[in-house]
Amino acid sequence: MEADQLIFKKVIDLFKRFKKTDPEVLGRTATLDVMNGRLTLIATALCGKKIEVFPGEMEGGVKDTFFYLPDSFSKLPTLEQNIKFYIYRIVFHSIQFEKQFNVTPHNASLNEVRQLAKADAHDVVGIMEKDFPSVADYYHSIEDLFGTESKKSGKIPDYWLYGKYMAISLDPNNKLTQQGDPENTDQQTVKPTTEIKSKPVEEAEVINVDKKAQQDYVMNHNFEKVDTAEEFKGVWRNFDGDDSLEKDSEALNELNLKHMVRTDDEVHSVYQADFR
């Protein structure tokens, strides 16, 4: 590890050591991993087909038969309210799913898909009031705590209430199980030595490796690993095969993991994410 990397890692470790979670916040925090089984059963029963629940990158939403919810939630005053928040979101998304409230324009921005979900929320809540009155009562009891994101208002951003619209997978051939690099079909299987769980990922796109561009590009080695990876934009780097996953985990947490490549090169480490 280079000197600047070593210094940065030590600073991050020190910051983590002194950064403590407020016991009050911790006491009212509801977590998805604890409730996932129960929420999956509720969603499947309401929708009449198998629904899977995954942690979202932030507020989450509905994508096909997959519901994405916050990994944890502590924005409401009590633990009970935060637990009920997950049940409310499952019911809300079940109505969205049934009524197909998820029409997303191509290449819509994050703000646009949030606003689309908010615009249809009135109709969703109307159905909720009729079919799930107790859940609707819960919604109305916390509604005033949410609003447009603003430091002055002190409101919780209302996208947490409604989620966002997410693109629906229409192409049955667009799967992440496509073949890798045909040139490496005889590559020996190597068992990974390092495996780390990644942050939540809501969608991913497989990009074919451009071998010619990879060979033509000469990489300037510097410590800005996040910038280097984020500035992909069609510029290819060679795969060095090093197992540096654990050392680079802090930088990887800052990446957008939507784009990835499939390769049959030897794998020395696994950065694991659950997504569909």
Protein backbone atom coordinates (compact mmCIF):
# COMPACT_ATOMS: atom_id res chain seq x y z
CA MET A 1 0.00 0.00 0.00
CA GLU A 2 1.37 3.41 -1.00
CA ALA A 3 2.09 6.10 1.62
CA ASP A 4 -0.88 8.33 0.74
CA GLN A 5 -3.21 5.33 0.79
CA LEU A 6 -1.90 4.26 4.17
CA ILE A 7 -2.38 7.74 5.65
CA PHE A 8 -5.91 8.00 4.27
CA LYS A 9 -6.85 4.57 5.63
CA LYS A 10 -5.56 5.46 9.09
CA VAL A 11 -7.57 8.71 9.07
CA ILE A 12 -10.73 6.84 8.06
CA ASP A 13 -10.20 4.21 10.75
CA LEU A 14 -9.72 6.96 13.34
CA PHE A 15 -12.88 8.72 12.18
CA LYS A 16 -14.89 5.50 12.46
CA ARG A 17 -13.55 4.89 15.95
CA PHE A 18 -14.77 8.27 17.23
CA LYS A 19 -18.01 8.34 15.26
CA LYS A 20 -20.57 6.93 17.67
CA THR A 21 -24.25 6.27 17.06
CA ASP A 22 -26.59 8.21 19.33
CA PRO A 23 -28.11 5.62 21.73
CA GLU A 24 -31.50 7.31 21.37
CA VAL A 25 -31.40 6.96 17.58
CA LEU A 26 -30.19 3.38 17.87
CA GLY A 27 -33.04 2.57 20.23
CA ARG A 28 -35.70 3.66 17.74
CA THR A 29 -34.09 2.20 14.61
CA ALA A 30 -35.99 -0.49 12.71
CA THR A 31 -33.92 -2.64 10.35
CA LEU A 32 -34.96 -4.42 7.19
CA ASP A 33 -32.95 -7.57 7.82
CA VAL A 34 -34.94 -8.24 11.01
CA MET A 35 -38.31 -7.68 9.31
CA ASN A 36 -37.57 -9.04 5.84
CA GLY A 37 -39.25 -12.43 6.26
CA ARG A 38 -42.46 -10.93 7.64
CA LEU A 39 -42.56 -8.18 5.01
CA THR A 40 -42.00 -10.69 2.19
CA LEU A 41 -44.95 -12.79 3.39
CA ILE A 42 -47.21 -9.73 3.58
CA ALA A 43 -46.19 -8.49 0.12
CA THR A 44 -46.64 -11.93 -1.45
CA ALA A 45 -50.08 -12.34 0.13
CA LEU A 46 -51.23 -8.88 -0.99
CA CYS A 47 -49.93 -9.20 -4.56
CA GLY A 48 -50.96 -12.82 -5.13
CA LYS A 49 -47.51 -13.75 -6.45
CA LYS A 50 -44.04 -14.19 -5.06
CA ILE A 51 -42.50 -10.85 -4.09
CA GLU A 52 -38.91 -10.46 -2.94
CA VAL A 53 -37.81 -7.64 -0.64
CA PHE A 54 -34.32 -6.17 -0.91
CA PRO A 55 -32.50 -3.23 0.69
CA GLY A 56 -32.60 -0.15 -1.53
CA GLU A 57 -29.79 2.27 -2.22
CA MET A 58 -31.87 4.87 -0.42
CA GLU A 59 -35.69 5.14 -0.31
CA GLY A 60 -36.26 2.28 -2.78
CA GLY A 61 -39.37 1.50 -4.78
CA VAL A 62 -40.92 -1.24 -6.94
CA LYS A 63 -39.18 -3.00 -9.81
CA ASP A 64 -41.06 -5.92 -11.34
CA THR A 65 -41.70 -8.36 -8.45
CA PHE A 66 -38.97 -6.84 -6.30
CA PHE A 67 -39.68 -4.31 -3.56
CA TYR A 68 -36.74 -2.18 -2.44
CA LEU A 69 -36.94 -0.63 1.03
CA PRO A 70 -34.51 1.34 3.23
CA ASP A 71 -31.86 -0.81 4.88
CA SER A 72 -32.80 0.82 8.20
CA PHE A 73 -35.19 3.55 9.30
CA SER A 74 -35.03 5.81 12.36
CA LYS A 75 -36.51 9.10 11.17
CA LEU A 76 -39.73 8.80 13.18
CA PRO A 77 -39.83 9.48 16.95
CA THR A 78 -40.46 5.91 18.19
CA LEU A 79 -39.38 2.37 17.36
CA GLU A 80 -43.02 1.33 16.91
CA GLN A 81 -43.59 4.05 14.31
CA ASN A 82 -40.44 3.06 12.43
CA ILE A 83 -41.48 -0.61 12.41
CA LYS A 84 -44.95 0.30 11.15
CA PHE A 85 -43.29 2.44 8.48
CA TYR A 86 -42.03 -0.73 6.78
CA ILE A 87 -45.49 -2.31 6.84
CA TYR A 88 -46.97 0.89 5.42
CA ARG A 89 -44.41 0.91 2.59
CA ILE A 90 -45.16 -2.74 1.75
CA VAL A 91 -48.89 -1.98 1.51
CA PHE A 92 -48.19 1.20 -0.48
CA HIS A 93 -45.99 -0.65 -2.98
CA SER A 94 -48.43 -3.56 -3.21
CA ILE A 95 -51.09 -1.11 -4.41
CA GLN A 96 -48.59 0.44 -6.85
CA PHE A 97 -47.79 -3.05 -8.12
CA GLU A 98 -51.44 -4.09 -8.52
CA LYS A 99 -52.49 -0.86 -10.25
CA GLN A 100 -49.25 -0.64 -12.26
CA PHE A 101 -48.36 2.82 -10.96
CA ASN A 102 -44.78 2.68 -12.18
CA VAL A 103 -44.57 4.22 -15.64
CA THR A 104 -41.05 5.63 -15.89
CA PRO A 105 -39.83 7.71 -18.85
CA HIS A 106 -36.54 6.60 -20.39
CA ASN A 107 -33.50 8.22 -18.76
CA ALA A 108 -35.61 10.05 -16.16
CA SER A 109 -33.60 11.78 -13.44
CA LEU A 110 -33.75 10.79 -9.77
CA ASN A 111 -35.82 13.88 -8.95
CA GLU A 112 -38.24 13.10 -11.81
CA VAL A 113 -38.91 9.51 -10.70
CA ARG A 114 -39.43 10.71 -7.14
CA GLN A 115 -41.93 13.32 -8.30
CA LEU A 116 -43.77 10.75 -10.43
CA ALA A 117 -44.22 8.50 -7.40
CA LYS A 118 -45.40 11.46 -5.33
CA ALA A 119 -47.87 12.55 -8.03
CA ASP A 120 -49.61 9.15 -7.98
CA ALA A 121 -49.48 8.87 -4.18
CA HIS A 122 -52.91 10.50 -3.75
CA ASP A 123 -54.54 7.72 -5.79
CA VAL A 124 -52.57 5.04 -3.94
CA VAL A 125 -53.57 6.44 -0.54
CA GLY A 126 -57.20 6.62 -1.70
CA ILE A 127 -57.17 2.88 -2.36
CA MET A 128 -55.37 2.34 0.94
CA GLU A 129 -58.10 4.22 2.83
CA LYS A 130 -60.71 1.91 1.33
CA ASP A 131 -58.90 -1.45 1.54
CA PHE A 132 -56.44 -0.94 4.42
CA PRO A 133 -57.95 1.70 6.73
CA SER A 134 -55.62 1.00 9.68
CA VAL A 135 -52.55 1.47 7.47
CA ALA A 136 -54.09 4.64 6.02
CA ASP A 137 -54.65 5.93 9.57
CA TYR A 138 -50.96 5.35 10.28
CA TYR A 139 -50.03 7.24 7.11
CA HIS A 140 -52.16 10.23 8.08
CA SER A 141 -50.69 10.21 11.61
CA ILE A 142 -47.15 10.74 10.28
CA GLU A 143 -47.91 12.63 7.05
CA ASP A 144 -47.30 16.08 8.54
CA LEU A 145 -43.75 15.09 9.55
CA PHE A 146 -42.81 14.76 5.88
CA GLY A 147 -42.49 17.39 3.19
CA THR A 148 -40.18 19.00 0.67
CA GLU A 149 -36.56 18.58 1.71
CA SER A 150 -35.41 21.76 3.44
CA LYS A 151 -33.11 22.61 6.34
CA LYS A 152 -35.45 25.40 7.45
CA SER A 153 -38.63 23.33 7.57
CA GLY A 154 -37.07 20.42 9.46
CA LYS A 155 -39.35 18.10 7.49
CA ILE A 156 -38.35 14.56 6.60
CA PRO A 157 -38.04 14.38 2.78
CA ASP A 158 -41.32 12.96 1.49
CA TYR A 159 -39.65 10.59 -0.96
CA TRP A 160 -39.26 8.29 2.06
CA LEU A 161 -43.06 8.03 2.16
CA TYR A 162 -43.59 7.26 -1.51
CA GLY A 163 -40.36 5.75 -2.78
CA LYS A 164 -39.39 6.32 -6.39
CA TYR A 165 -40.43 4.84 -9.70
CA MET A 166 -37.97 2.31 -11.05
CA ALA A 167 -37.47 1.02 -14.58
CA ILE A 168 -39.28 -2.23 -15.38
CA SER A 169 -37.30 -5.02 -17.06
CA LEU A 170 -39.07 -5.56 -20.38
CA ASP A 171 -36.33 -7.45 -22.25
CA PRO A 172 -36.32 -11.14 -21.25
CA ASN A 173 -32.88 -11.52 -22.82
CA ASN A 174 -31.36 -8.79 -20.66
CA LYS A 175 -29.94 -11.08 -18.00
CA LEU A 176 -26.79 -11.01 -15.95
CA THR A 177 -26.11 -14.63 -16.84
CA GLN A 178 -24.82 -13.89 -20.32
CA GLN A 179 -21.62 -15.52 -21.47
CA GLY A 180 -18.33 -14.01 -20.45
CA ASP A 181 -15.20 -13.63 -22.54
CA PRO A 182 -15.06 -16.54 -25.04
CA GLU A 183 -11.28 -16.17 -25.21
CA ASN A 184 -10.91 -17.36 -21.61
CA THR A 185 -13.14 -20.45 -21.60
CA ASP A 186 -10.27 -22.64 -20.42
CA GLN A 187 -9.36 -20.35 -17.53
CA GLN A 188 -8.68 -22.30 -14.35
CA THR A 189 -11.23 -21.77 -11.57
CA VAL A 190 -9.68 -20.01 -8.58
CA LYS A 191 -11.42 -19.83 -5.22
CA PRO A 192 -11.74 -16.20 -4.03
CA THR A 193 -9.65 -15.39 -0.96
CA THR A 194 -11.59 -12.27 0.08
CA GLU A 195 -15.37 -11.72 0.17
CA ILE A 196 -17.02 -8.49 1.35
CA LYS A 197 -20.70 -7.51 1.37
CA SER A 198 -21.32 -4.38 -0.69
CA LYS A 199 -23.75 -1.56 -0.11
CA PRO A 200 -27.28 -2.08 -1.56
CA VAL A 201 -27.59 -2.16 -5.36
CA GLU A 202 -30.95 -1.67 -7.10
CA GLU A 203 -29.97 -2.33 -10.70
CA ALA A 204 -26.97 -3.37 -12.74
CA GLU A 205 -25.98 -3.35 -16.39
CA VAL A 206 -23.43 -5.73 -17.88
CA ILE A 207 -20.99 -4.07 -20.28
CA ASN A 208 -18.89 -6.04 -22.75
CA VAL A 209 -15.14 -5.72 -22.30
CA ASP A 210 -13.42 -3.70 -25.02
CA LYS A 211 -10.09 -5.56 -25.21
CA LYS A 212 -8.63 -3.18 -27.81
CA ALA A 213 -9.39 -0.08 -25.70
CA GLN A 214 -8.04 -1.88 -22.66
CA GLN A 215 -4.71 -2.47 -24.37
CA ASP A 216 -4.48 1.05 -25.80
CA TYR A 217 -5.09 2.82 -22.51
CA VAL A 218 -2.14 3.61 -20.28
CA MET A 219 -3.36 4.20 -16.76
CA ASN A 220 -1.88 6.89 -14.55
CA HIS A 221 -1.62 5.34 -11.09
CA ASN A 222 -2.83 7.63 -8.34
CA PHE A 223 -4.73 7.23 -5.13
CA GLU A 224 -8.02 8.69 -6.34
CA LYS A 225 -9.53 5.24 -6.77
CA VAL A 226 -13.09 6.49 -6.61
CA ASP A 227 -12.48 9.15 -9.27
CA THR A 228 -10.64 6.63 -11.43
CA ALA A 229 -13.50 4.15 -11.27
CA GLU A 230 -16.29 6.72 -11.61
CA GLU A 231 -14.66 8.30 -14.66
CA PHE A 232 -15.16 5.10 -16.65
CA LYS A 233 -17.19 6.71 -19.47
CA GLY A 234 -16.02 4.19 -22.04
CA VAL A 235 -12.34 4.29 -21.08
CA TRP A 236 -11.08 0.80 -20.28
CA ARG A 237 -8.44 -0.29 -17.78
CA ASN A 238 -6.74 -3.64 -17.66
CA PHE A 239 -7.63 -6.09 -14.89
CA ASP A 240 -4.50 -6.43 -12.76
CA GLY A 241 -5.73 -9.52 -10.89
CA ASP A 242 -4.62 -8.24 -7.50
CA ASP A 243 -6.67 -9.07 -4.40
CA SER A 244 -6.86 -5.57 -2.90
CA LEU A 245 -10.57 -5.65 -2.09
CA GLU A 246 -10.20 -5.28 1.66
CA LYS A 247 -7.78 -2.36 1.32
CA ASP A 248 -10.03 -0.61 -1.20
CA SER A 249 -13.37 -1.27 0.53
CA GLU A 250 -13.71 2.33 1.78
CA ALA A 251 -13.33 3.68 -1.76
CA LEU A 252 -15.73 1.08 -3.17
CA ASN A 253 -18.46 2.23 -0.77
CA GLU A 254 -18.49 5.57 -2.61
CA LEU A 255 -18.99 4.03 -6.06
CA ASN A 256 -22.11 3.76 -8.17
CA LEU A 257 -22.19 0.00 -8.82
CA LYS A 258 -24.70 0.08 -11.67
CA HIS A 259 -22.21 -0.76 -14.44
CA MET A 260 -20.08 -3.88 -14.39
CA VAL A 261 -18.23 -6.16 -16.76
CA ARG A 262 -18.30 -9.94 -17.01
CA THR A 263 -14.93 -11.58 -17.43
CA ASP A 264 -13.58 -15.09 -17.14
CA ASP A 265 -10.29 -13.86 -15.69
CA GLU A 266 -9.24 -15.41 -12.39
CA VAL A 267 -11.22 -14.05 -9.43
CA HIS A 268 -9.29 -13.42 -6.23
CA SER A 269 -11.98 -11.48 -4.35
CA VAL A 270 -15.76 -11.05 -4.34
CA TYR A 271 -17.68 -7.82 -3.68
CA GLN A 272 -21.13 -9.28 -3.13
CA ALA A 273 -24.41 -7.43 -3.70
CA ASP A 274 -28.04 -8.61 -3.71
CA PHE A 275 -30.03 -7.16 -6.60
CA ARG A 276 -32.41 -8.08 -9.43
